[in-house]
N, C-alpha and C. Protein backbone atom coordinates (compact mmCIF):
# COMPACT_ATOMS: atom_id res chain seq x y z
N MET A 1 -30.42 72.53 1.30
CA MET A 1 -30.49 72.20 2.73
C MET A 1 -29.61 70.99 2.97
N ASN A 2 -28.79 71.08 3.97
CA ASN A 2 -27.89 69.98 4.28
C ASN A 2 -28.29 69.23 5.55
N LYS A 3 -29.57 69.26 5.87
CA LYS A 3 -30.09 68.57 7.06
C LYS A 3 -31.08 67.49 6.65
N ARG A 4 -31.16 66.46 7.48
CA ARG A 4 -32.10 65.36 7.29
C ARG A 4 -32.74 65.04 8.63
N ILE A 5 -33.90 64.42 8.59
CA ILE A 5 -34.62 64.01 9.79
C ILE A 5 -34.59 62.49 9.83
N ILE A 6 -34.11 61.94 10.94
CA ILE A 6 -34.02 60.49 11.10
C ILE A 6 -34.94 60.07 12.23
N TYR A 7 -35.67 58.96 12.03
CA TYR A 7 -36.46 58.38 13.11
C TYR A 7 -36.51 56.88 12.94
N LYS A 8 -36.85 56.19 14.02
CA LYS A 8 -36.95 54.73 14.00
C LYS A 8 -38.42 54.36 14.00
N ASN A 9 -38.80 53.52 13.04
CA ASN A 9 -40.18 53.04 12.94
C ASN A 9 -40.46 52.02 14.04
N LYS A 10 -41.72 51.70 14.22
CA LYS A 10 -42.10 50.74 15.26
C LYS A 10 -41.51 49.36 15.01
N ASP A 11 -41.17 49.04 13.75
CA ASP A 11 -40.54 47.75 13.44
C ASP A 11 -39.01 47.82 13.51
N ASN A 12 -38.49 48.91 14.05
CA ASN A 12 -37.06 49.17 14.24
C ASN A 12 -36.29 49.49 12.96
N THR A 13 -36.96 49.65 11.83
CA THR A 13 -36.28 50.14 10.64
C THR A 13 -36.07 51.64 10.79
N VAL A 14 -35.11 52.17 10.07
CA VAL A 14 -34.78 53.59 10.15
C VAL A 14 -35.34 54.30 8.93
N SER A 15 -35.97 55.44 9.16
CA SER A 15 -36.47 56.26 8.06
C SER A 15 -35.75 57.60 8.07
N ILE A 16 -35.54 58.13 6.88
CA ILE A 16 -34.88 59.42 6.72
C ILE A 16 -35.77 60.31 5.87
N ILE A 17 -36.06 61.48 6.38
CA ILE A 17 -36.88 62.46 5.66
C ILE A 17 -35.94 63.50 5.07
N ILE A 18 -36.10 63.74 3.77
CA ILE A 18 -35.34 64.78 3.07
C ILE A 18 -36.30 65.92 2.76
N PRO A 19 -36.23 67.02 3.50
CA PRO A 19 -37.16 68.12 3.26
C PRO A 19 -36.97 68.73 1.87
N THR A 20 -38.07 69.06 1.22
CA THR A 20 -37.99 69.69 -0.10
C THR A 20 -37.71 71.18 0.05
N PRO A 21 -37.10 71.79 -0.96
CA PRO A 21 -36.88 73.24 -0.90
C PRO A 21 -38.18 74.02 -0.72
N ASP A 22 -39.26 73.56 -1.36
CA ASP A 22 -40.56 74.25 -1.23
C ASP A 22 -41.05 74.22 0.22
N ALA A 23 -40.93 73.06 0.86
CA ALA A 23 -41.37 72.95 2.26
C ALA A 23 -40.55 73.87 3.15
N LEU A 24 -39.25 73.97 2.87
CA LEU A 24 -38.37 74.79 3.71
C LEU A 24 -38.59 76.28 3.51
N GLN A 25 -39.32 76.66 2.47
CA GLN A 25 -39.65 78.08 2.29
C GLN A 25 -40.75 78.52 3.23
N SER A 26 -41.58 77.57 3.66
CA SER A 26 -42.71 77.95 4.50
C SER A 26 -42.63 77.39 5.92
N MET A 27 -41.69 76.46 6.18
CA MET A 27 -41.57 75.86 7.50
C MET A 27 -40.11 75.67 7.86
N THR A 28 -39.84 75.61 9.16
CA THR A 28 -38.50 75.25 9.62
C THR A 28 -38.35 73.74 9.55
N ILE A 29 -37.14 73.25 9.63
CA ILE A 29 -36.94 71.80 9.62
C ILE A 29 -37.57 71.16 10.85
N GLU A 30 -37.59 71.88 11.96
CA GLU A 30 -38.23 71.38 13.17
C GLU A 30 -39.74 71.22 12.97
N GLN A 31 -40.36 72.18 12.30
CA GLN A 31 -41.79 72.09 12.01
C GLN A 31 -42.09 70.93 11.06
N ILE A 32 -41.22 70.74 10.08
CA ILE A 32 -41.40 69.63 9.15
C ILE A 32 -41.30 68.30 9.90
N ALA A 33 -40.32 68.19 10.80
CA ALA A 33 -40.15 66.95 11.57
C ALA A 33 -41.39 66.66 12.40
N LYS A 34 -41.89 67.63 13.12
CA LYS A 34 -43.08 67.41 13.95
C LYS A 34 -44.27 67.00 13.10
N LYS A 35 -44.38 67.57 11.90
CA LYS A 35 -45.51 67.29 11.01
C LYS A 35 -45.37 65.92 10.33
N ASP A 36 -44.16 65.54 9.93
CA ASP A 36 -43.99 64.36 9.08
C ASP A 36 -43.55 63.09 9.80
N VAL A 37 -42.95 63.21 10.98
CA VAL A 37 -42.60 62.01 11.74
C VAL A 37 -43.87 61.50 12.40
N PRO A 38 -44.13 60.20 12.32
CA PRO A 38 -45.35 59.65 12.92
C PRO A 38 -45.47 59.99 14.41
N THR A 39 -46.69 60.17 14.83
CA THR A 39 -47.00 60.55 16.21
C THR A 39 -46.32 59.63 17.21
N GLY A 40 -45.65 60.25 18.17
CA GLY A 40 -45.04 59.52 19.27
C GLY A 40 -43.66 58.97 19.01
N LEU A 41 -43.15 59.10 17.78
CA LEU A 41 -41.81 58.59 17.49
C LEU A 41 -40.78 59.71 17.64
N ASN A 42 -39.70 59.40 18.32
CA ASN A 42 -38.61 60.37 18.52
C ASN A 42 -37.82 60.52 17.24
N TYR A 43 -37.24 61.70 17.05
CA TYR A 43 -36.44 61.94 15.86
C TYR A 43 -35.19 62.73 16.19
N LYS A 44 -34.29 62.76 15.20
CA LYS A 44 -33.04 63.52 15.30
C LYS A 44 -32.84 64.24 13.98
N ILE A 45 -32.43 65.50 14.04
CA ILE A 45 -32.08 66.27 12.85
C ILE A 45 -30.56 66.22 12.73
N VAL A 46 -30.08 65.74 11.59
CA VAL A 46 -28.64 65.54 11.41
C VAL A 46 -28.16 66.19 10.12
N ASN A 47 -26.85 66.34 10.01
CA ASN A 47 -26.24 66.80 8.77
C ASN A 47 -26.21 65.66 7.76
N VAL A 48 -26.29 66.00 6.50
CA VAL A 48 -26.22 64.99 5.44
C VAL A 48 -24.95 64.17 5.60
N SER A 49 -23.86 64.80 5.98
CA SER A 49 -22.58 64.10 6.11
C SER A 49 -22.58 63.04 7.21
N ASP A 50 -23.56 63.08 8.11
CA ASP A 50 -23.67 62.08 9.18
C ASP A 50 -24.33 60.79 8.71
N ILE A 51 -24.86 60.79 7.50
CA ILE A 51 -25.57 59.63 6.96
C ILE A 51 -24.67 58.95 5.94
N SER A 52 -24.56 57.65 6.03
CA SER A 52 -23.73 56.90 5.10
C SER A 52 -24.18 57.11 3.66
N SER A 53 -23.24 57.32 2.78
CA SER A 53 -23.58 57.45 1.36
C SER A 53 -23.67 56.08 0.69
N ASP A 54 -23.21 55.04 1.37
CA ASP A 54 -23.30 53.67 0.86
C ASP A 54 -24.68 53.12 1.19
N ARG A 55 -25.51 52.98 0.19
CA ARG A 55 -26.88 52.52 0.39
C ARG A 55 -27.04 51.01 0.21
N THR A 56 -25.93 50.29 0.06
CA THR A 56 -25.97 48.86 -0.18
C THR A 56 -26.77 48.13 0.89
N PHE A 57 -26.52 48.45 2.13
CA PHE A 57 -27.18 47.76 3.25
C PHE A 57 -28.11 48.70 4.02
N ARG A 58 -28.76 49.61 3.30
CA ARG A 58 -29.58 50.62 3.99
C ARG A 58 -30.71 50.01 4.81
N ASN A 59 -31.18 48.82 4.45
CA ASN A 59 -32.23 48.18 5.25
C ASN A 59 -31.70 47.65 6.57
N ALA A 60 -30.38 47.65 6.75
CA ALA A 60 -29.77 47.20 7.99
C ALA A 60 -29.29 48.36 8.86
N TRP A 61 -29.51 49.60 8.42
CA TRP A 61 -29.09 50.76 9.21
C TRP A 61 -29.81 50.76 10.55
N THR A 62 -29.11 51.21 11.57
CA THR A 62 -29.70 51.31 12.91
C THR A 62 -29.36 52.65 13.52
N ILE A 63 -30.10 53.01 14.53
CA ILE A 63 -29.79 54.18 15.35
C ILE A 63 -30.29 53.88 16.75
N ALA A 64 -29.50 54.26 17.73
CA ALA A 64 -29.87 54.01 19.12
C ALA A 64 -30.99 54.96 19.54
N ASP A 65 -31.92 54.46 20.31
CA ASP A 65 -33.01 55.31 20.81
C ASP A 65 -32.47 56.53 21.55
N ALA A 66 -31.37 56.37 22.25
CA ALA A 66 -30.78 57.47 23.03
C ALA A 66 -30.29 58.62 22.15
N GLU A 67 -30.08 58.35 20.86
CA GLU A 67 -29.64 59.40 19.94
C GLU A 67 -30.79 60.23 19.37
N LEU A 68 -32.00 59.75 19.48
CA LEU A 68 -33.17 60.43 18.91
C LEU A 68 -33.71 61.44 19.91
N THR A 69 -33.03 62.58 20.01
CA THR A 69 -33.27 63.51 21.11
C THR A 69 -33.82 64.87 20.71
N ASP A 70 -34.13 65.08 19.43
CA ASP A 70 -34.53 66.42 19.00
C ASP A 70 -36.02 66.71 19.10
N GLY A 71 -36.83 65.69 19.26
CA GLY A 71 -38.27 65.93 19.38
C GLY A 71 -39.06 64.67 19.16
N VAL A 72 -40.38 64.86 19.16
CA VAL A 72 -41.32 63.74 18.99
C VAL A 72 -42.31 64.13 17.90
N GLY A 73 -42.57 63.19 16.99
CA GLY A 73 -43.50 63.45 15.90
C GLY A 73 -44.92 63.68 16.39
N GLU A 74 -45.63 64.52 15.65
CA GLU A 74 -47.02 64.84 15.98
C GLU A 74 -47.93 64.62 14.78
N TRP A 75 -47.47 63.82 13.81
CA TRP A 75 -48.21 63.58 12.58
C TRP A 75 -49.55 62.94 12.90
N LEU A 76 -50.59 63.53 12.38
CA LEU A 76 -51.94 62.99 12.59
C LEU A 76 -52.30 62.18 11.35
N GLN A 77 -52.43 60.89 11.52
CA GLN A 77 -52.71 60.00 10.39
C GLN A 77 -54.15 60.08 9.99
C-alpha cells in the first residue's frame, strides 16, 4: 500500500498512520482512518511520496488545517 493517513494532534504535532497489509485485507483505508484517527480530528490520506523521507526533524513537521480534508476520526477511546 502506498497510502498513509496524516492528522494533527491537539498539541499540533503531526501523526502518520501506516496501515498494515492485514488491516487492508478487511478494511478500506478510509475505514481505517475513521477507526484509528482520534475522535473529532481531521485527516488526509496521502501518497507515501508526499511525505518527507528525511526523518531528522520529524518532530517539527507541520500540516495546515486546511489540508486535512478527507474526513474526521471516529475513534472511541
